[in-house]
């Protein structure tokens, strides 16, 4: 009974949302004098991010339940693994939980913005290319900037901090553009998605360098991804769903590039910080793929396959 809930909330990719806000918060702490985040605040902000993510993903399946009966009947709602009532209740609880925790740590309006754009995307805008891309980009950017906005408004942090969440939002918009090729064969959209993703990485790497004061290993990552994109290798050509998954996993690397800007101000510290962030991103990407395989619903055996199975 647990697996359908893990599938409808897209739990394997939930850490990408937490990594977004952690990375942007680390960069904000690094460039804001006197800034400090208590452990309890870290935990609550992480929980807000997870709840916003769960809200968006669950509402998406609830809104698409009729379409999925034909397009993806193995999803938890059309397959009958979950019923509409409990899922609707869960959507409301996710939103209320996120807003309550956000109010407690002073980031209510950012959380509300993320939830609002997620609602617009899931119920209306995702069927339109540009509005859908903008809406989901705003969801990710709002989530990533939960603490950064607080520092800019209350601690006189530089407004340029908000460019880090903007890079995450741009990259997420690129994922939306790419995902539309599942229904429409539009190769040019793949190149638009690649270009947007490369721009997000270059922007994030430069931002971590300029705000952190030292170049990081993120510059090399951005260079590699940009070069690979120009040669049409990122994401790898193939079925749209696999390309979308590859780009979603790229959110870990993007967060790592941003987090590399958090260090002690020395070149050694910058290298160590960015290296640790990239190693964590690699581990999370591997773990996500393993969990996706574990949660993947296997099709029921057909009569012909059962006859072909040896005793």
C-alpha atoms as a PDB file:
ATOM      1  CA  UNK A   1       0.000   0.000   0.000  1.00  0.00           C
ATOM      2  CA  UNK A   2       2.972   2.305   0.563  1.00  0.00           C
ATOM      3  CA  UNK A   3       4.388   2.079  -2.957  1.00  0.00           C
ATOM      4  CA  UNK A   4       1.433   3.803  -4.684  1.00  0.00           C
ATOM      5  CA  UNK A   5       1.843   6.804  -2.370  1.00  0.00           C
ATOM      6  CA  UNK A   6       5.565   6.912  -3.059  1.00  0.00           C
ATOM      7  CA  UNK A   7       4.816   6.794  -6.776  1.00  0.00           C
ATOM      8  CA  UNK A   8       2.115   9.478  -6.806  1.00  0.00           C
ATOM      9  CA  UNK A   9       4.344  11.888  -4.849  1.00  0.00           C
ATOM     10  CA  UNK A  10       7.335  11.050  -7.122  1.00  0.00           C
ATOM     11  CA  UNK A  11       9.409  10.426  -3.998  1.00  0.00           C
ATOM     12  CA  UNK A  12      12.612   9.372  -5.830  1.00  0.00           C
ATOM     13  CA  UNK A  13      13.024  12.889  -7.229  1.00  0.00           C
ATOM     14  CA  UNK A  14      11.856  14.719  -4.096  1.00  0.00           C
ATOM     15  CA  UNK A  15      15.460  15.340  -2.944  1.00  0.00           C
ATOM     16  CA  UNK A  16      15.932  17.620  -5.968  1.00  0.00           C
ATOM     17  CA  UNK A  17      13.553  20.133  -4.366  1.00  0.00           C
ATOM     18  CA  UNK A  18      15.402  19.999  -1.039  1.00  0.00           C
ATOM     19  CA  UNK A  19      18.762  20.320  -2.788  1.00  0.00           C
ATOM     20  CA  UNK A  20      17.502  23.464  -4.538  1.00  0.00           C
ATOM     21  CA  UNK A  21      16.666  25.286  -1.337  1.00  0.00           C
ATOM     22  CA  UNK A  22      19.729  23.978   0.529  1.00  0.00           C
ATOM     23  CA  UNK A  23      22.076  25.121  -2.241  1.00  0.00           C
ATOM     24  CA  UNK A  24      20.571  28.610  -2.463  1.00  0.00           C
ATOM     25  CA  UNK A  25      20.545  28.927   1.322  1.00  0.00           C
ATOM     26  CA  UNK A  26      24.217  27.930   1.583  1.00  0.00           C
ATOM     27  CA  UNK A  27      25.121  30.575  -0.981  1.00  0.00           C
ATOM     28  CA  UNK A  28      23.025  33.138   0.902  1.00  0.00           C
ATOM     29  CA  UNK A  29      24.778  32.318   4.181  1.00  0.00           C
ATOM     30  CA  UNK A  30      28.176  32.625   2.502  1.00  0.00           C
ATOM     31  CA  UNK A  31      27.594  36.172   1.235  1.00  0.00           C
ATOM     32  CA  UNK A  32      25.503  37.620   4.086  1.00  0.00           C
ATOM     33  CA  UNK A  33      27.368  39.025   7.083  1.00  0.00           C
ATOM     34  CA  UNK A  34      26.203  37.525  10.338  1.00  0.00           C
ATOM     35  CA  UNK A  35      23.868  35.044   8.678  1.00  0.00           C
ATOM     36  CA  UNK A  36      23.337  31.763  10.461  1.00  0.00           C
ATOM     37  CA  UNK A  37      20.744  29.032  10.096  1.00  0.00           C
ATOM     38  CA  UNK A  38      19.838  26.890  13.091  1.00  0.00           C
ATOM     39  CA  UNK A  39      19.447  23.143  12.656  1.00  0.00           C
ATOM     40  CA  UNK A  40      15.738  23.350  13.476  1.00  0.00           C
ATOM     41  CA  UNK A  41      15.303  25.937  10.729  1.00  0.00           C
ATOM     42  CA  UNK A  42      17.166  23.770   8.218  1.00  0.00           C
ATOM     43  CA  UNK A  43      14.868  20.872   9.026  1.00  0.00           C
ATOM     44  CA  UNK A  44      11.699  22.951   8.773  1.00  0.00           C
ATOM     45  CA  UNK A  45      12.712  24.594   5.496  1.00  0.00           C
ATOM     46  CA  UNK A  46      13.566  21.164   4.097  1.00  0.00           C
ATOM     47  CA  UNK A  47      10.166  19.887   5.199  1.00  0.00           C
ATOM     48  CA  UNK A  48       8.427  22.876   3.558  1.00  0.00           C
ATOM     49  CA  UNK A  49      10.245  22.111   0.321  1.00  0.00           C
ATOM     50  CA  UNK A  50       9.264  18.438   0.445  1.00  0.00           C
ATOM     51  CA  UNK A  51       5.626  19.250   1.163  1.00  0.00           C
ATOM     52  CA  UNK A  52       5.459  21.745  -1.715  1.00  0.00           C
ATOM     53  CA  UNK A  53       6.940  19.114  -4.001  1.00  0.00           C
ATOM     54  CA  UNK A  54       4.533  16.425  -2.787  1.00  0.00           C
ATOM     55  CA  UNK A  55       1.614  18.840  -3.208  1.00  0.00           C
ATOM     56  CA  UNK A  56       2.533  19.636  -6.808  1.00  0.00           C
ATOM     57  CA  UNK A  57       3.128  16.055  -7.858  1.00  0.00           C
ATOM     58  CA  UNK A  58       0.028  14.652  -6.193  1.00  0.00           C
ATOM     59  CA  UNK A  59      -2.215  17.412  -7.548  1.00  0.00           C
ATOM     60  CA  UNK A  60      -0.775  16.726 -10.997  1.00  0.00           C
ATOM     61  CA  UNK A  61      -1.965  13.118 -10.897  1.00  0.00           C
ATOM     62  CA  UNK A  62      -5.310  14.134  -9.445  1.00  0.00           C
ATOM     63  CA  UNK A  63      -5.869  16.660 -12.225  1.00  0.00           C
ATOM     64  CA  UNK A  64      -4.783  14.169 -14.908  1.00  0.00           C
ATOM     65  CA  UNK A  65      -6.678  11.136 -13.602  1.00  0.00           C
ATOM     66  CA  UNK A  66      -9.005  10.942 -16.624  1.00  0.00           C
ATOM     67  CA  UNK A  67      -6.254  11.551 -19.179  1.00  0.00           C
ATOM     68  CA  UNK A  68      -4.069   8.924 -17.527  1.00  0.00           C
ATOM     69  CA  UNK A  69      -6.746   6.261 -18.023  1.00  0.00           C
ATOM     70  CA  UNK A  70      -5.648   6.235 -21.659  1.00  0.00           C
ATOM     71  CA  UNK A  71      -2.179   7.777 -21.598  1.00  0.00           C
ATOM     72  CA  UNK A  72      -0.677   6.041 -18.542  1.00  0.00           C
ATOM     73  CA  UNK A  73      -3.119   3.557 -16.987  1.00  0.00           C
ATOM     74  CA  UNK A  74      -0.439   2.192 -14.648  1.00  0.00           C
ATOM     75  CA  UNK A  75      -0.468   5.402 -12.584  1.00  0.00           C
ATOM     76  CA  UNK A  76      -1.844   4.955  -9.020  1.00  0.00           C
ATOM     77  CA  UNK A  77      -5.243   6.591  -9.661  1.00  0.00           C
ATOM     78  CA  UNK A  78      -6.313   5.050 -13.007  1.00  0.00           C
ATOM     79  CA  UNK A  79      -4.935   1.653 -11.982  1.00  0.00           C
ATOM     80  CA  UNK A  80      -7.073   1.654  -8.831  1.00  0.00           C
ATOM     81  CA  UNK A  81      -4.092   1.458  -6.459  1.00  0.00           C
ATOM     82  CA  UNK A  82      -5.322   4.690  -4.860  1.00  0.00           C
ATOM     83  CA  UNK A  83      -8.760   6.283  -4.779  1.00  0.00           C
ATOM     84  CA  UNK A  84      -9.606   9.892  -5.530  1.00  0.00           C
ATOM     85  CA  UNK A  85     -10.877  10.851  -2.058  1.00  0.00           C
ATOM     86  CA  UNK A  86      -7.754  10.060  -0.006  1.00  0.00           C
ATOM     87  CA  UNK A  87      -5.543  11.616  -2.695  1.00  0.00           C
ATOM     88  CA  UNK A  88      -7.565  14.852  -2.633  1.00  0.00           C
ATOM     89  CA  UNK A  89      -7.276  14.952   1.171  1.00  0.00           C
ATOM     90  CA  UNK A  90      -3.524  14.397   0.903  1.00  0.00           C
ATOM     91  CA  UNK A  91      -3.208  17.325  -1.525  1.00  0.00           C
ATOM     92  CA  UNK A  92      -4.914  19.651   0.964  1.00  0.00           C
ATOM     93  CA  UNK A  93      -2.821  18.369   3.883  1.00  0.00           C
ATOM     94  CA  UNK A  94       0.419  18.809   1.943  1.00  0.00           C
ATOM     95  CA  UNK A  95      -0.467  22.440   1.185  1.00  0.00           C
ATOM     96  CA  UNK A  96      -1.597  23.252   4.724  1.00  0.00           C
ATOM     97  CA  UNK A  97       1.456  21.560   6.230  1.00  0.00           C
ATOM     98  CA  UNK A  98       3.821  23.480   3.955  1.00  0.00           C
ATOM     99  CA  UNK A  99       2.179  26.815   4.751  1.00  0.00           C
ATOM    100  CA  UNK A 100       2.093  26.169   8.503  1.00  0.00           C
ATOM    101  CA  UNK A 101       5.785  25.295   8.644  1.00  0.00           C
ATOM    102  CA  UNK A 102       6.648  28.190   6.320  1.00  0.00           C
ATOM    103  CA  UNK A 103       4.820  30.612   8.597  1.00  0.00           C
ATOM    104  CA  UNK A 104       6.801  29.256  11.539  1.00  0.00           C
ATOM    105  CA  UNK A 105      10.155  30.064   9.926  1.00  0.00           C
ATOM    106  CA  UNK A 106       9.122  33.303   8.233  1.00  0.00           C
ATOM    107  CA  UNK A 107       8.965  32.161   4.610  1.00  0.00           C
ATOM    108  CA  UNK A 108       5.186  31.992   4.209  1.00  0.00           C
ATOM    109  CA  UNK A 109       4.878  34.154   1.102  1.00  0.00           C
ATOM    110  CA  UNK A 110       7.488  32.261  -0.877  1.00  0.00           C
ATOM    111  CA  UNK A 111       5.793  28.977   0.007  1.00  0.00           C
ATOM    112  CA  UNK A 112       2.393  30.380  -0.942  1.00  0.00           C
ATOM    113  CA  UNK A 113       3.795  31.601  -4.268  1.00  0.00           C
ATOM    114  CA  UNK A 114       5.205  28.159  -5.037  1.00  0.00           C
ATOM    115  CA  UNK A 115       1.913  26.470  -4.166  1.00  0.00           C
ATOM    116  CA  UNK A 116      -0.045  28.982  -6.233  1.00  0.00           C
ATOM    117  CA  UNK A 117       2.067  28.469  -9.348  1.00  0.00           C
ATOM    118  CA  UNK A 118       1.999  24.688  -8.837  1.00  0.00           C
ATOM    119  CA  UNK A 119      -1.798  24.822  -8.756  1.00  0.00           C
ATOM    120  CA  UNK A 120      -1.918  26.899 -11.938  1.00  0.00           C
ATOM    121  CA  UNK A 121       0.500  24.581 -13.695  1.00  0.00           C
ATOM    122  CA  UNK A 122      -1.239  21.335 -12.698  1.00  0.00           C
ATOM    123  CA  UNK A 123      -4.785  22.455 -13.391  1.00  0.00           C
ATOM    124  CA  UNK A 124      -4.460  24.781 -16.385  1.00  0.00           C
ATOM    125  CA  UNK A 125      -1.139  25.958 -17.741  1.00  0.00           C
ATOM    126  CA  UNK A 126       0.812  22.755 -18.360  1.00  0.00           C
ATOM    127  CA  UNK A 127      -1.039  22.174 -21.643  1.00  0.00           C
ATOM    128  CA  UNK A 128       0.389  25.426 -23.035  1.00  0.00           C
ATOM    129  CA  UNK A 129       4.096  25.595 -23.812  1.00  0.00           C
ATOM    130  CA  UNK A 130       5.232  29.030 -22.655  1.00  0.00           C
ATOM    131  CA  UNK A 131       2.803  29.578 -19.734  1.00  0.00           C
ATOM    132  CA  UNK A 132       3.477  26.039 -18.507  1.00  0.00           C
ATOM    133  CA  UNK A 133       7.248  26.481 -18.652  1.00  0.00           C
ATOM    134  CA  UNK A 134       7.029  29.815 -16.839  1.00  0.00           C
ATOM    135  CA  UNK A 135       4.695  28.436 -14.159  1.00  0.00           C
ATOM    136  CA  UNK A 136       6.819  25.413 -13.292  1.00  0.00           C
ATOM    137  CA  UNK A 137       9.950  27.536 -13.416  1.00  0.00           C
ATOM    138  CA  UNK A 138       8.343  29.846 -10.852  1.00  0.00           C
ATOM    139  CA  UNK A 139       7.443  26.882  -8.639  1.00  0.00           C
ATOM    140  CA  UNK A 140      11.053  25.740  -8.513  1.00  0.00           C
ATOM    141  CA  UNK A 141      12.454  29.258  -8.195  1.00  0.00           C
ATOM    142  CA  UNK A 142      10.054  30.153  -5.365  1.00  0.00           C
ATOM    143  CA  UNK A 143      10.901  26.959  -3.506  1.00  0.00           C
ATOM    144  CA  UNK A 144      14.644  27.463  -3.968  1.00  0.00           C
ATOM    145  CA  UNK A 145      14.483  31.066  -2.737  1.00  0.00           C
ATOM    146  CA  UNK A 146      12.646  30.346   0.526  1.00  0.00           C
ATOM    147  CA  UNK A 147      15.573  31.568   2.655  1.00  0.00           C
ATOM    148  CA  UNK A 148      17.306  33.756   0.077  1.00  0.00           C
ATOM    149  CA  UNK A 149      14.287  36.065  -0.128  1.00  0.00           C
ATOM    150  CA  UNK A 150      14.246  36.337   3.670  1.00  0.00           C
ATOM    151  CA  UNK A 151      17.901  37.384   3.701  1.00  0.00           C
ATOM    152  CA  UNK A 152      17.442  39.929   0.920  1.00  0.00           C
ATOM    153  CA  UNK A 153      14.449  41.549   2.632  1.00  0.00           C
ATOM    154  CA  UNK A 154      15.500  41.326   6.290  1.00  0.00           C
ATOM    155  CA  UNK A 155      19.306  41.133   6.337  1.00  0.00           C
ATOM    156  CA  UNK A 156      20.184  43.437   3.444  1.00  0.00           C
ATOM    157  CA  UNK A 157      21.714  40.600   1.458  1.00  0.00           C
ATOM    158  CA  UNK A 158      22.542  41.462  -2.173  1.00  0.00           C
ATOM    159  CA  UNK A 159      19.606  41.001  -4.527  1.00  0.00           C
ATOM    160  CA  UNK A 160      21.926  39.052  -6.846  1.00  0.00           C
ATOM    161  CA  UNK A 161      21.362  36.088  -4.511  1.00  0.00           C
ATOM    162  CA  UNK A 162      17.998  35.677  -6.199  1.00  0.00           C
ATOM    163  CA  UNK A 163      19.728  34.879  -9.482  1.00  0.00           C
ATOM    164  CA  UNK A 164      20.586  31.440  -8.103  1.00  0.00           C
ATOM    165  CA  UNK A 165      16.907  30.422  -7.727  1.00  0.00           C
ATOM    166  CA  UNK A 166      16.324  32.038 -11.124  1.00  0.00           C
ATOM    167  CA  UNK A 167      18.873  29.647 -12.665  1.00  0.00           C
ATOM    168  CA  UNK A 168      17.000  26.732 -11.112  1.00  0.00           C
ATOM    169  CA  UNK A 169      13.730  28.117 -12.443  1.00  0.00           C
ATOM    170  CA  UNK A 170      15.193  28.485 -15.944  1.00  0.00           C
ATOM    171  CA  UNK A 171      16.458  24.917 -15.883  1.00  0.00           C
ATOM    172  CA  UNK A 172      13.064  23.626 -14.688  1.00  0.00           C
ATOM    173  CA  UNK A 173      11.352  25.547 -17.482  1.00  0.00           C
ATOM    174  CA  UNK A 174      13.688  23.756 -19.897  1.00  0.00           C
ATOM    175  CA  UNK A 175      12.457  20.420 -18.528  1.00  0.00           C
ATOM    176  CA  UNK A 176       8.876  21.475 -19.286  1.00  0.00           C
ATOM    177  CA  UNK A 177       9.816  22.439 -22.843  1.00  0.00           C
ATOM    178  CA  UNK A 178      11.461  19.056 -23.344  1.00  0.00           C
ATOM    179  CA  UNK A 179       8.536  17.155 -21.808  1.00  0.00           C
ATOM    180  CA  UNK A 180       6.153  18.554 -24.441  1.00  0.00           C
ATOM    181  CA  UNK A 181       7.970  16.484 -27.070  1.00  0.00           C
ATOM    182  CA  UNK A 182       6.374  13.366 -25.567  1.00  0.00           C
ATOM    183  CA  UNK A 183       3.133  14.307 -27.324  1.00  0.00           C
ATOM    184  CA  UNK A 184       4.407  16.422 -30.237  1.00  0.00           C
ATOM    185  CA  UNK A 185       7.417  15.605 -32.399  1.00  0.00           C
ATOM    186  CA  UNK A 186       9.172  18.985 -32.323  1.00  0.00           C
ATOM    187  CA  UNK A 187      12.988  18.561 -32.489  1.00  0.00           C
ATOM    188  CA  UNK A 188      13.531  22.298 -32.180  1.00  0.00           C
ATOM    189  CA  UNK A 189      12.045  22.185 -28.690  1.00  0.00           C
ATOM    190  CA  UNK A 190      14.753  19.730 -27.663  1.00  0.00           C
ATOM    191  CA  UNK A 191      17.358  22.271 -28.717  1.00  0.00           C
ATOM    192  CA  UNK A 192      15.540  25.044 -26.884  1.00  0.00           C
ATOM    193  CA  UNK A 193      15.588  22.889 -23.751  1.00  0.00           C
ATOM    194  CA  UNK A 194      19.288  22.172 -24.188  1.00  0.00           C
ATOM    195  CA  UNK A 195      20.093  25.834 -24.651  1.00  0.00           C
ATOM    196  CA  UNK A 196      18.096  26.867 -21.576  1.00  0.00           C
ATOM    197  CA  UNK A 197      19.739  24.150 -19.472  1.00  0.00           C
ATOM    198  CA  UNK A 198      23.229  25.158 -20.592  1.00  0.00           C
ATOM    199  CA  UNK A 199      22.472  28.819 -19.825  1.00  0.00           C
ATOM    200  CA  UNK A 200      21.280  27.872 -16.341  1.00  0.00           C
ATOM    201  CA  UNK A 201      24.493  25.964 -15.599  1.00  0.00           C
ATOM    202  CA  UNK A 202      26.772  28.710 -16.906  1.00  0.00           C
ATOM    203  CA  UNK A 203      24.839  31.321 -14.926  1.00  0.00           C
ATOM    204  CA  UNK A 204      24.949  29.250 -11.745  1.00  0.00           C
ATOM    205  CA  UNK A 205      28.696  28.600 -12.036  1.00  0.00           C
ATOM    206  CA  UNK A 206      29.501  32.268 -12.636  1.00  0.00           C
ATOM    207  CA  UNK A 207      27.217  33.320  -9.792  1.00  0.00           C
ATOM    208  CA  UNK A 208      28.867  30.911  -7.327  1.00  0.00           C
ATOM    209  CA  UNK A 209      32.262  32.279  -8.394  1.00  0.00           C
ATOM    210  CA  UNK A 210      31.376  35.963  -8.257  1.00  0.00           C
ATOM    211  CA  UNK A 211      29.379  35.871  -5.021  1.00  0.00           C
ATOM    212  CA  UNK A 212      31.660  33.352  -3.317  1.00  0.00           C
ATOM    213  CA  UNK A 213      34.797  35.189  -4.385  1.00  0.00           C
ATOM    214  CA  UNK A 214      36.633  32.141  -5.753  1.00  0.00           C
ATOM    215  CA  UNK A 215      36.318  29.919  -8.842  1.00  0.00           C
ATOM    216  CA  UNK A 216      34.906  26.481  -8.101  1.00  0.00           C
ATOM    217  CA  UNK A 217      34.751  23.087  -9.765  1.00  0.00           C
ATOM    218  CA  UNK A 218      31.271  24.106 -10.900  1.00  0.00           C
ATOM    219  CA  UNK A 219      32.924  26.052 -13.709  1.00  0.00           C
ATOM    220  CA  UNK A 220      34.247  22.793 -15.113  1.00  0.00           C
ATOM    221  CA  UNK A 221      30.837  21.152 -14.787  1.00  0.00           C
ATOM    222  CA  UNK A 222      29.175  24.064 -16.587  1.00  0.00           C
ATOM    223  CA  UNK A 223      31.781  23.960 -19.344  1.00  0.00           C
ATOM    224  CA  UNK A 224      31.333  20.208 -19.795  1.00  0.00           C
ATOM    225  CA  UNK A 225      27.540  20.369 -19.903  1.00  0.00           C
ATOM    226  CA  UNK A 226      27.529  23.337 -22.269  1.00  0.00           C
ATOM    227  CA  UNK A 227      29.952  21.625 -24.631  1.00  0.00           C
ATOM    228  CA  UNK A 228      27.991  18.374 -24.482  1.00  0.00           C
ATOM    229  CA  UNK A 229      24.787  20.292 -25.171  1.00  0.00           C
ATOM    230  CA  UNK A 230      26.229  22.013 -28.229  1.00  0.00           C
ATOM    231  CA  UNK A 231      27.091  18.607 -29.661  1.00  0.00           C
ATOM    232  CA  UNK A 232      23.597  17.303 -28.913  1.00  0.00           C
ATOM    233  CA  UNK A 233      24.684  14.827 -26.240  1.00  0.00           C
ATOM    234  CA  UNK A 234      22.944  16.349 -23.210  1.00  0.00           C
ATOM    235  CA  UNK A 235      20.354  15.071 -22.735  1.00  0.00           C
ATOM    236  CA  UNK A 236      21.211  11.972 -24.722  1.00  0.00           C
ATOM    237  CA  UNK A 237      19.050  11.502 -27.838  1.00  0.00           C
ATOM    238  CA  UNK A 238      16.355   8.901 -27.208  1.00  0.00           C
ATOM    239  CA  UNK A 239      12.773   8.494 -26.011  1.00  0.00           C
ATOM    240  CA  UNK A 240      11.449  11.769 -24.562  1.00  0.00           C
ATOM    241  CA  UNK A 241      10.712  10.226 -21.160  1.00  0.00           C
ATOM    242  CA  UNK A 242      14.320   9.129 -20.753  1.00  0.00           C
ATOM    243  CA  UNK A 243      15.545  12.527 -21.860  1.00  0.00           C
ATOM    244  CA  UNK A 244      13.269  14.225 -19.335  1.00  0.00           C
ATOM    245  CA  UNK A 245      14.515  11.939 -16.541  1.00  0.00           C
ATOM    246  CA  UNK A 246      18.112  12.726 -17.466  1.00  0.00           C
ATOM    247  CA  UNK A 247      17.392  16.436 -17.224  1.00  0.00           C
ATOM    248  CA  UNK A 248      15.586  16.013 -13.915  1.00  0.00           C
ATOM    249  CA  UNK A 249      18.642  14.259 -12.517  1.00  0.00           C
ATOM    250  CA  UNK A 250      20.626  17.268 -13.722  1.00  0.00           C
ATOM    251  CA  UNK A 251      18.908  19.299 -10.996  1.00  0.00           C
ATOM    252  CA  UNK A 252      21.250  17.618  -8.505  1.00  0.00           C
ATOM    253  CA  UNK A 253      24.303  18.828 -10.442  1.00  0.00           C
ATOM    254  CA  UNK A 254      22.882  22.320 -10.798  1.00  0.00           C
ATOM    255  CA  UNK A 255      22.292  22.546  -7.047  1.00  0.00           C
ATOM    256  CA  UNK A 256      25.842  21.300  -6.444  1.00  0.00           C
ATOM    257  CA  UNK A 257      27.255  24.025  -8.693  1.00  0.00           C
ATOM    258  CA  UNK A 258      25.389  26.675  -6.675  1.00  0.00           C
ATOM    259  CA  UNK A 259      26.307  25.141  -3.319  1.00  0.00           C
ATOM    260  CA  UNK A 260      29.974  25.269  -4.294  1.00  0.00           C
ATOM    261  CA  UNK A 261      29.862  29.011  -3.629  1.00  0.00           C
ATOM    262  CA  UNK A 262      29.664  28.275   0.106  1.00  0.00           C
ATOM    263  CA  UNK A 263      33.240  28.137   1.454  1.00  0.00           C
ATOM    264  CA  UNK A 264      35.742  29.976   3.638  1.00  0.00           C
ATOM    265  CA  UNK A 265      36.862  32.404   0.940  1.00  0.00           C
ATOM    266  CA  UNK A 266      40.047  30.576  -0.022  1.00  0.00           C
ATOM    267  CA  UNK A 267      40.707  28.745  -3.268  1.00  0.00           C
ATOM    268  CA  UNK A 268      41.326  25.551  -1.306  1.00  0.00           C
ATOM    269  CA  UNK A 269      38.013  25.933   0.482  1.00  0.00           C
ATOM    270  CA  UNK A 270      36.233  26.584  -2.808  1.00  0.00           C
ATOM    271  CA  UNK A 271      37.674  23.442  -4.375  1.00  0.00           C
ATOM    272  CA  UNK A 272      36.867  21.269  -1.379  1.00  0.00           C
ATOM    273  CA  UNK A 273      33.345  22.658  -0.972  1.00  0.00           C
ATOM    274  CA  UNK A 274      32.446  22.242  -4.640  1.00  0.00           C
ATOM    275  CA  UNK A 275      33.994  18.760  -4.768  1.00  0.00           C
ATOM    276  CA  UNK A 276      31.950  17.582  -1.775  1.00  0.00           C
ATOM    277  CA  UNK A 277      28.789  19.086  -3.294  1.00  0.00           C
ATOM    278  CA  UNK A 278      29.391  17.275  -6.597  1.00  0.00           C
ATOM    279  CA  UNK A 279      30.037  13.960  -4.855  1.00  0.00           C
ATOM    280  CA  UNK A 280      26.763  14.322  -2.937  1.00  0.00           C
ATOM    281  CA  UNK A 281      24.968  15.155  -6.200  1.00  0.00           C
ATOM    282  CA  UNK A 282      26.401  12.027  -7.820  1.00  0.00           C
ATOM    283  CA  UNK A 283      25.301   9.847  -4.883  1.00  0.00           C
ATOM    284  CA  UNK A 284      21.792  11.311  -4.899  1.00  0.00           C
ATOM    285  CA  UNK A 285      21.460  10.816  -8.666  1.00  0.00           C
ATOM    286  CA  UNK A 286      22.421   7.152  -8.306  1.00  0.00           C
ATOM    287  CA  UNK A 287      20.078   6.669  -5.353  1.00  0.00           C
ATOM    288  CA  UNK A 288      17.203   8.281  -7.236  1.00  0.00           C
ATOM    289  CA  UNK A 289      17.629   5.957 -10.211  1.00  0.00           C
ATOM    290  CA  UNK A 290      17.734   2.902  -7.953  1.00  0.00           C
ATOM    291  CA  UNK A 291      14.535   3.976  -6.180  1.00  0.00           C
ATOM    292  CA  UNK A 292      12.797   4.633  -9.506  1.00  0.00           C
ATOM    293  CA  UNK A 293      13.594   1.078 -10.584  1.00  0.00           C
ATOM    294  CA  UNK A 294      12.304  -0.272  -7.287  1.00  0.00           C
ATOM    295  CA  UNK A 295       9.033   1.648  -7.527  1.00  0.00           C
ATOM    296  CA  UNK A 296       8.407   0.969 -11.223  1.00  0.00           C
ATOM    297  CA  UNK A 297       5.188  -0.979 -11.589  1.00  0.00           C
ATOM    298  CA  UNK A 298       5.720  -4.169 -13.531  1.00  0.00           C
ATOM    299  CA  UNK A 299       3.022  -5.082 -16.081  1.00  0.00           C
ATOM    300  CA  UNK A 300       0.828  -8.035 -15.268  1.00  0.00           C
ATOM    301  CA  UNK A 301       1.867 -11.213 -17.133  1.00  0.00           C
ATOM    302  CA  UNK A 302      -0.202 -12.043 -20.197  1.00  0.00           C
ATOM    303  CA  UNK A 303      -1.645 -15.418 -20.963  1.00  0.00           C
ATOM    304  CA  UNK A 304       0.923 -16.015 -23.712  1.00  0.00           C
ATOM    305  CA  UNK A 305       3.833 -15.158 -21.438  1.00  0.00           C
ATOM    306  CA  UNK A 306       2.470 -17.436 -18.742  1.00  0.00           C
ATOM    307  CA  UNK A 307       2.308 -20.333 -21.225  1.00  0.00           C
ATOM    308  CA  UNK A 308       5.822 -19.622 -22.323  1.00  0.00           C
ATOM    309  CA  UNK A 309       7.162 -19.782 -18.768  1.00  0.00           C
ATOM    310  CA  UNK A 310       8.771 -23.163 -18.034  1.00  0.00           C
ATOM    311  CA  UNK A 311       7.432 -25.059 -15.053  1.00  0.00           C
END
